[in-house]
Protein backbone atom coordinates (compact mmCIF):
# COMPACT_ATOMS: atom_id res chain seq x y z
CA MET A 1 120.78 13.48 -93.60
CA SER A 2 124.11 11.74 -93.07
CA LEU A 3 127.57 11.80 -94.56
CA THR A 4 126.41 9.38 -97.24
CA THR A 5 123.26 11.35 -98.12
CA LEU A 6 124.82 14.81 -98.21
CA GLU A 7 125.58 15.80 -101.76
CA PRO A 8 129.30 15.73 -102.72
CA PRO A 9 129.45 19.54 -103.22
CA VAL A 10 128.31 20.01 -99.61
CA GLN A 11 130.86 17.50 -98.35
CA TRP A 12 133.67 19.13 -100.33
CA THR A 13 132.69 22.60 -99.17
CA LEU A 14 132.73 21.52 -95.52
CA LEU A 15 136.11 19.89 -96.06
CA GLY A 16 137.29 23.12 -97.70
CA VAL A 17 136.28 25.08 -94.61
CA PHE A 18 138.38 22.82 -92.40
CA ALA A 19 141.27 23.06 -94.86
CA LEU A 20 141.16 26.86 -94.65
CA LEU A 21 141.13 26.66 -90.87
CA ALA A 22 144.16 24.37 -90.98
CA VAL A 23 145.97 26.89 -93.19
CA ALA A 24 145.05 29.72 -90.82
CA GLN A 25 146.29 27.66 -87.87
CA ALA A 26 149.59 26.97 -89.64
CA ILE A 27 150.02 30.68 -90.44
CA VAL A 28 149.51 31.66 -86.80
CA TRP A 29 151.99 29.05 -85.61
CA THR A 30 154.51 30.34 -88.13
CA LEU A 31 153.95 33.95 -87.07
CA ARG A 32 154.33 33.01 -83.43
CA TRP A 33 157.68 31.36 -84.25
CA ILE A 34 158.97 34.15 -86.52
CA ARG A 35 157.70 37.09 -84.45
CA SER A 36 157.68 35.69 -80.95
CA GLU A 37 157.82 39.17 -79.41
CA ARG A 38 154.20 39.79 -80.38
CA ASP A 39 151.19 38.42 -78.53
CA TRP A 40 149.20 36.10 -80.80
CA ALA A 41 146.97 34.69 -78.04
CA GLU A 42 143.82 36.53 -79.15
CA LEU A 43 144.14 35.32 -82.74
CA GLU A 44 144.83 31.77 -81.56
CA ARG A 45 141.70 31.84 -79.38
CA ARG A 46 139.66 33.13 -82.31
CA ILE A 47 140.83 30.33 -84.62
CA ALA A 48 140.36 27.68 -81.91
CA THR A 49 136.77 28.84 -81.48
CA TRP A 50 136.27 28.71 -85.24
CA TRP A 51 137.33 25.04 -85.18
CA ILE A 52 134.64 24.30 -82.60
CA ILE A 53 131.96 26.29 -84.44
CA ALA A 54 132.75 24.60 -87.76
CA ALA A 55 132.85 21.13 -86.17
CA VAL A 56 129.50 21.55 -84.39
CA PHE A 57 127.86 22.97 -87.53
CA ALA A 58 129.20 20.19 -89.77
CA LEU A 59 128.29 17.46 -87.28
CA ALA A 60 124.72 18.74 -86.99
CA LEU A 61 124.32 18.64 -90.77
CA LEU A 62 125.85 15.18 -90.97
CA LEU A 63 123.76 13.60 -88.22
CA ASP A 64 120.15 14.46 -88.94
CA ARG A 65 117.80 17.21 -90.08
CA ALA A 66 116.18 17.35 -86.65
CA VAL A 67 119.60 17.76 -85.01
CA ALA A 68 120.43 20.66 -87.33
CA ILE A 69 117.11 22.35 -86.57
CA GLY A 70 117.67 21.74 -82.86
CA LEU A 71 121.13 23.30 -83.07
CA PHE A 72 119.69 26.57 -84.36
CA ALA A 73 116.97 26.44 -81.72
CA VAL A 74 119.71 26.28 -79.08
CA ILE A 75 121.56 29.15 -80.78
CA SER A 76 118.36 31.22 -80.70
CA PHE A 77 117.86 30.41 -77.02
CA LEU A 78 121.42 31.41 -76.14
CA ALA A 79 121.22 34.56 -78.26
CA LEU A 80 117.91 35.65 -76.70
CA LYS A 81 119.19 34.86 -73.21
CA GLU A 82 122.30 36.92 -73.91
CA PHE A 83 120.22 39.77 -75.30
CA LEU A 84 117.92 39.83 -72.27
CA SER A 85 120.92 39.76 -69.93
CA LEU A 86 122.24 42.91 -71.61
CA VAL A 87 119.07 44.96 -71.97
CA PRO A 88 117.47 46.14 -68.72
CA THR A 89 114.01 44.69 -68.10
CA ARG A 90 111.36 45.52 -65.52
CA ARG A 91 111.04 43.20 -62.52
CA ALA A 92 107.38 42.63 -63.36
CA ASP A 93 108.31 41.40 -66.86
CA ARG A 94 110.24 38.41 -65.54
CA ARG A 95 107.02 36.41 -65.45
CA VAL A 96 106.47 37.30 -69.11
CA LEU A 97 109.88 36.00 -70.16
CA PHE A 98 108.63 32.41 -69.82
CA TRP A 99 106.30 33.01 -72.75
CA ALA A 100 109.05 34.64 -74.77
CA TYR A 101 111.31 31.61 -74.29
CA LEU A 102 108.39 29.27 -75.04
CA ALA A 103 108.17 30.90 -78.47
CA ILE A 104 111.54 29.34 -79.38
CA PRO A 105 110.59 25.63 -79.40
CA LEU A 106 107.26 26.49 -81.01
CA GLN A 107 108.90 28.51 -83.79
CA TYR A 108 111.34 25.68 -84.53
CA TRP A 109 108.54 23.13 -84.35
CA TRP A 110 106.88 24.89 -87.28
CA VAL A 111 110.21 24.59 -89.10
CA TYR A 112 110.44 20.87 -88.35
CA ARG A 113 106.85 20.35 -89.50
CA GLU A 114 107.55 22.42 -92.65
CA TRP A 115 104.54 24.60 -91.80
CA TYR A 116 105.50 27.76 -93.64
CA GLY A 117 102.22 29.57 -92.96
CA MET A 118 102.60 29.39 -89.17
CA PHE A 119 106.37 29.82 -89.28
CA ILE A 120 106.11 33.16 -91.07
CA ILE A 121 103.42 34.73 -88.84
CA PHE A 122 103.82 33.12 -85.41
CA ILE A 123 106.28 35.61 -83.87
CA PRO A 124 105.49 38.72 -85.99
CA VAL A 125 101.73 38.38 -85.37
CA TYR A 126 100.66 36.02 -82.59
CA VAL A 127 103.57 36.52 -80.19
CA PHE A 128 103.53 40.25 -80.98
CA LEU A 129 99.87 40.44 -79.94
CA PHE A 130 100.09 38.11 -76.94
CA LEU A 131 103.14 39.37 -75.03
CA PRO A 132 101.90 42.96 -74.49
CA LEU A 133 98.60 41.59 -73.20
CA ARG A 134 100.47 39.38 -70.76
CA MET A 135 102.64 42.35 -69.70
CA LEU A 136 99.60 44.46 -68.90
CA SER A 137 98.08 41.68 -66.82
CA VAL A 138 101.10 41.38 -64.51
CA GLY A 139 102.80 44.78 -64.45
CA PRO A 140 102.37 48.56 -64.37
CA ALA A 141 102.03 50.83 -67.37
CA GLU A 142 105.27 52.69 -66.58
CA GLY A 143 107.96 51.60 -69.01
CA PHE A 144 105.49 49.49 -70.99
CA LEU A 145 106.45 50.74 -74.46
CA ARG A 146 110.18 50.27 -73.90
CA ALA A 147 109.70 46.81 -72.38
CA ALA A 148 107.34 45.56 -75.10
CA GLY A 149 109.50 46.95 -77.88
CA THR A 150 112.68 45.52 -76.37
CA LEU A 151 111.25 42.05 -75.94
CA HIS A 152 109.71 41.90 -79.40
CA TRP A 153 112.83 43.28 -81.06
CA GLY A 154 114.87 40.61 -79.30
CA LEU A 155 112.54 37.82 -80.44
CA MET A 156 112.47 39.06 -84.02
CA THR A 157 116.25 39.30 -84.16
CA THR A 158 117.40 36.23 -82.27
CA VAL A 159 114.56 33.80 -82.97
CA PHE A 160 112.50 34.75 -86.01
CA SER A 161 115.41 35.88 -88.18
CA LEU A 162 117.71 33.00 -87.26
CA SER A 163 114.97 30.38 -87.72
CA HIS A 164 115.10 31.09 -91.46
CA VAL A 165 118.42 29.22 -91.63
CA PRO A 166 117.06 25.75 -90.74
CA PHE A 167 113.89 26.34 -92.78
CA LEU A 168 116.19 26.26 -95.82
CA LEU A 169 116.79 22.61 -94.94
CA VAL A 170 113.13 21.78 -95.47
CA LEU A 171 112.35 24.26 -98.26
CA ARG A 172 111.02 22.30 -101.23
CA MET A 173 111.43 23.54 -104.78
CA LYS A 174 108.11 23.63 -106.67
CA SER A 175 109.78 22.39 -109.84
CA ASP A 176 111.53 19.48 -108.05
CA PRO A 177 110.04 18.74 -104.59
CA GLU A 178 112.29 15.74 -104.00
CA ALA A 179 115.55 17.58 -104.68
CA SER A 180 117.86 17.77 -101.64
CA TYR A 181 119.11 21.34 -101.97
CA GLY A 182 118.54 22.16 -98.28
CA PRO A 183 121.99 21.36 -96.83
CA GLY A 184 123.67 23.07 -99.77
CA MET A 185 121.64 26.25 -99.30
CA VAL A 186 122.40 26.32 -95.57
CA VAL A 187 126.13 25.81 -96.16
CA PHE A 188 126.08 28.46 -98.90
CA LEU A 189 124.37 31.00 -96.62
CA VAL A 190 126.41 30.36 -93.47
CA VAL A 191 129.81 30.06 -95.18
CA LEU A 192 129.29 33.21 -97.25
CA THR A 193 127.97 35.17 -94.27
CA GLU A 194 131.04 34.32 -92.22
CA LEU A 195 133.34 34.81 -95.22
CA ASN A 196 131.85 38.27 -95.68
CA ASP A 197 132.71 39.15 -92.06
CA VAL A 198 136.29 37.91 -92.46
CA ALA A 199 136.76 39.58 -95.86
CA GLN A 200 135.47 42.92 -94.58
CA TYR A 201 137.86 42.69 -91.65
CA LEU A 202 140.88 41.83 -93.83
CA TRP A 203 140.14 44.44 -96.50
CA GLY A 204 139.50 47.03 -93.85
CA LYS A 205 142.75 46.28 -92.00
CA SER A 206 144.85 46.31 -95.17
CA LEU A 207 143.32 49.20 -97.15
CA GLY A 208 140.75 50.86 -94.93
CA ARG A 209 141.07 54.57 -94.15
CA ARG A 210 137.68 56.25 -94.44
CA LYS A 211 135.07 55.19 -91.90
CA VAL A 212 131.57 54.16 -92.97
CA LEU A 213 129.74 54.68 -89.68
CA PRO A 214 132.25 56.13 -87.22
CA ALA A 215 129.58 56.95 -84.63
CA ILE A 216 128.39 53.33 -84.49
CA SER A 217 131.26 51.07 -85.57
CA PRO A 218 134.58 52.93 -85.87
CA GLY A 219 136.34 49.85 -87.23
CA LYS A 220 134.15 49.65 -90.34
CA THR A 221 135.69 51.29 -93.42
CA TRP A 222 134.56 51.81 -97.00
CA ALA A 223 137.40 49.61 -98.25
CA GLY A 224 136.38 46.83 -95.90
CA TRP A 225 132.71 47.10 -96.80
CA ILE A 226 133.19 47.20 -100.57
CA GLY A 227 136.00 44.63 -100.51
CA GLY A 228 133.86 42.26 -98.47
CA ILE A 229 130.88 42.61 -100.81
CA VAL A 230 133.01 42.04 -103.91
CA THR A 231 134.74 39.03 -102.36
CA THR A 232 131.46 37.51 -101.18
CA ALA A 233 129.78 38.08 -104.55
CA ALA A 234 132.71 36.49 -106.40
CA VAL A 235 132.74 33.38 -104.19
CA ALA A 236 128.94 33.17 -104.37
CA THR A 237 129.11 33.14 -108.17
CA LEU A 238 131.43 30.13 -107.99
CA LEU A 239 129.68 28.21 -105.21
CA GLY A 240 126.05 29.02 -106.06
CA PRO A 241 125.57 26.68 -109.04
CA TRP A 242 127.51 24.00 -107.17
CA LEU A 243 125.63 24.05 -103.85
CA THR A 244 122.22 25.47 -104.78
CA PRO A 245 119.72 25.57 -107.68
CA LEU A 246 120.96 29.09 -108.52
CA ASP A 247 122.57 29.86 -111.87
CA ARG A 248 125.62 32.13 -111.92
CA LEU A 249 123.68 35.38 -112.38
CA HIS A 250 121.27 34.67 -109.54
CA ALA A 251 124.16 33.40 -107.39
CA LEU A 252 125.90 36.73 -107.95
CA VAL A 253 122.77 38.56 -106.78
CA ALA A 254 122.62 36.27 -103.73
CA GLY A 255 126.23 37.14 -102.96
CA LEU A 256 125.46 40.85 -103.18
CA ILE A 257 122.46 40.40 -100.88
CA ILE A 258 124.56 38.52 -98.32
CA GLY A 259 127.41 41.03 -98.57
CA VAL A 260 125.23 44.09 -97.99
CA ALA A 261 122.87 42.45 -95.46
CA GLY A 262 125.75 40.98 -93.47
CA PHE A 263 127.25 44.43 -93.00
CA VAL A 264 123.90 45.87 -91.89
CA GLY A 265 123.31 43.01 -89.44
CA ASP A 266 126.78 43.53 -87.99
CA VAL A 267 126.37 47.27 -87.42
CA ASN A 268 122.82 46.74 -86.15
CA ILE A 269 124.15 44.75 -83.19
CA SER A 270 127.09 47.17 -82.92
CA ALA A 271 124.60 50.01 -82.42
CA LEU A 272 122.92 47.99 -79.66
CA LYS A 273 126.23 47.40 -77.89
CA ARG A 274 127.28 51.03 -78.25
CA ASP A 275 123.95 52.15 -76.82
CA LEU A 276 124.54 49.87 -73.83
CA GLY A 277 128.18 50.94 -73.50
CA ILE A 278 129.69 47.45 -73.97
CA LYS A 279 132.32 46.04 -76.33
CA ASP A 280 131.14 42.43 -76.62
CA SER A 281 127.73 40.91 -76.02
CA GLY A 282 129.26 38.13 -73.91
CA SER A 283 132.23 35.84 -73.40
CA MET A 284 130.88 32.44 -74.45
CA LEU A 285 133.03 32.31 -77.60
CA PRO A 286 136.70 33.05 -76.77
CA GLY A 287 138.20 35.48 -79.25
CA HIS A 288 134.78 36.37 -80.65
CA GLY A 289 132.78 37.56 -77.66
CA GLY A 290 129.22 36.34 -77.24
CA ILE A 291 126.68 34.51 -79.37
CA LEU A 292 125.23 37.79 -80.65
CA ASP A 293 128.70 38.88 -81.75
CA ARG A 294 128.93 35.80 -83.95
CA VAL A 295 125.39 35.65 -85.39
CA ASP A 296 124.85 39.39 -85.84
CA SER A 297 125.34 39.28 -89.62
CA LEU A 298 123.23 36.14 -89.92
CA THR A 299 120.22 37.91 -88.37
CA TYR A 300 119.96 39.91 -91.61
CA THR A 301 121.38 37.56 -94.23
CA ALA A 302 119.22 34.57 -93.21
CA PRO A 303 115.73 36.04 -93.80
CA LEU A 304 116.76 38.00 -96.90
CA PHE A 305 118.49 35.03 -98.56
CA PHE A 306 115.64 32.72 -97.57
CA HIS A 307 112.98 34.92 -99.16
CA TYR A 308 115.14 35.44 -102.23
CA MET A 309 115.22 31.65 -102.69
CA TYR A 310 111.53 31.38 -101.82
CA TYR A 311 110.64 33.94 -104.48
CA LEU A 312 112.77 32.29 -107.16
CA PHE A 313 111.88 28.65 -106.56
CA VAL A 314 108.64 28.44 -104.57
CA TRP A 315 106.44 31.52 -104.82
CA HIS A 316 107.46 32.71 -108.29
CA THR A 317 107.30 29.25 -109.85
CA HIS A 318 103.86 28.82 -108.32
CA GLY A 319 102.56 31.41 -110.73
CA ALA A 320 102.21 34.50 -108.55
CA LEU A 321 103.54 37.85 -109.70
């Protein structure tokens, strides 16, 4: 992949993202000038971080497929590291963590090699079976269930789920194996997932009154949730046929999947943080918190969107029902 090989819709969509960021930046500067008595520092930090995230993401897509896969491997590593720094682990399990981290390059190697069979079972089956055995060989039985469940949940969330994003880059359509839909599908998924987060926030702030899950995420409202889903579905219907092999109807369904799944992924990590008594998972991303705070929605949207595309264009077209 390079700037010259990326399809024009992908290039225009990436440029559109930067244009929206420029508009947001201009709005903040205007607000700071008009209403100087208010503190806009947090919003400025958030937008500045968005510039960096968008630039790194776009550059990885422009440079090479291997670079893009490597980027998500690094994200998985940082997310797992952040998760394990938050959740208490037994001292004896520290020797097991090496094998958990080793699962990351192996999982992304299957992606790079386009080995779907190993990609889909490596962590859910082989790592799931191996890590408890290793735990028992180095540590006591006390706390075993909590430790094994914590470690496997972390791997499934931060590594297995997120690795579905780069596999879209190498996913080949049965009807047209040479078609280069991969970058478009990744851009479609990531942009809509993040748009869903922003839309839910804006709708919730402007119209939200009734809480959806007050015990887990008090800031989530019905207006924000429904408004985000509708907004995401509408944009998906427009972008789907442009970036992906989806027609408008199936793009609408994809938008609904991303809208609902993004909300669930968000509150899933919110429940984790509330259980631990923390506000943010980290401080790596100024204005956003930690890596988990930024990829929480993607942990649900990535696998669900991937398997939706796999069913429509790989498995279903292969003749299975």
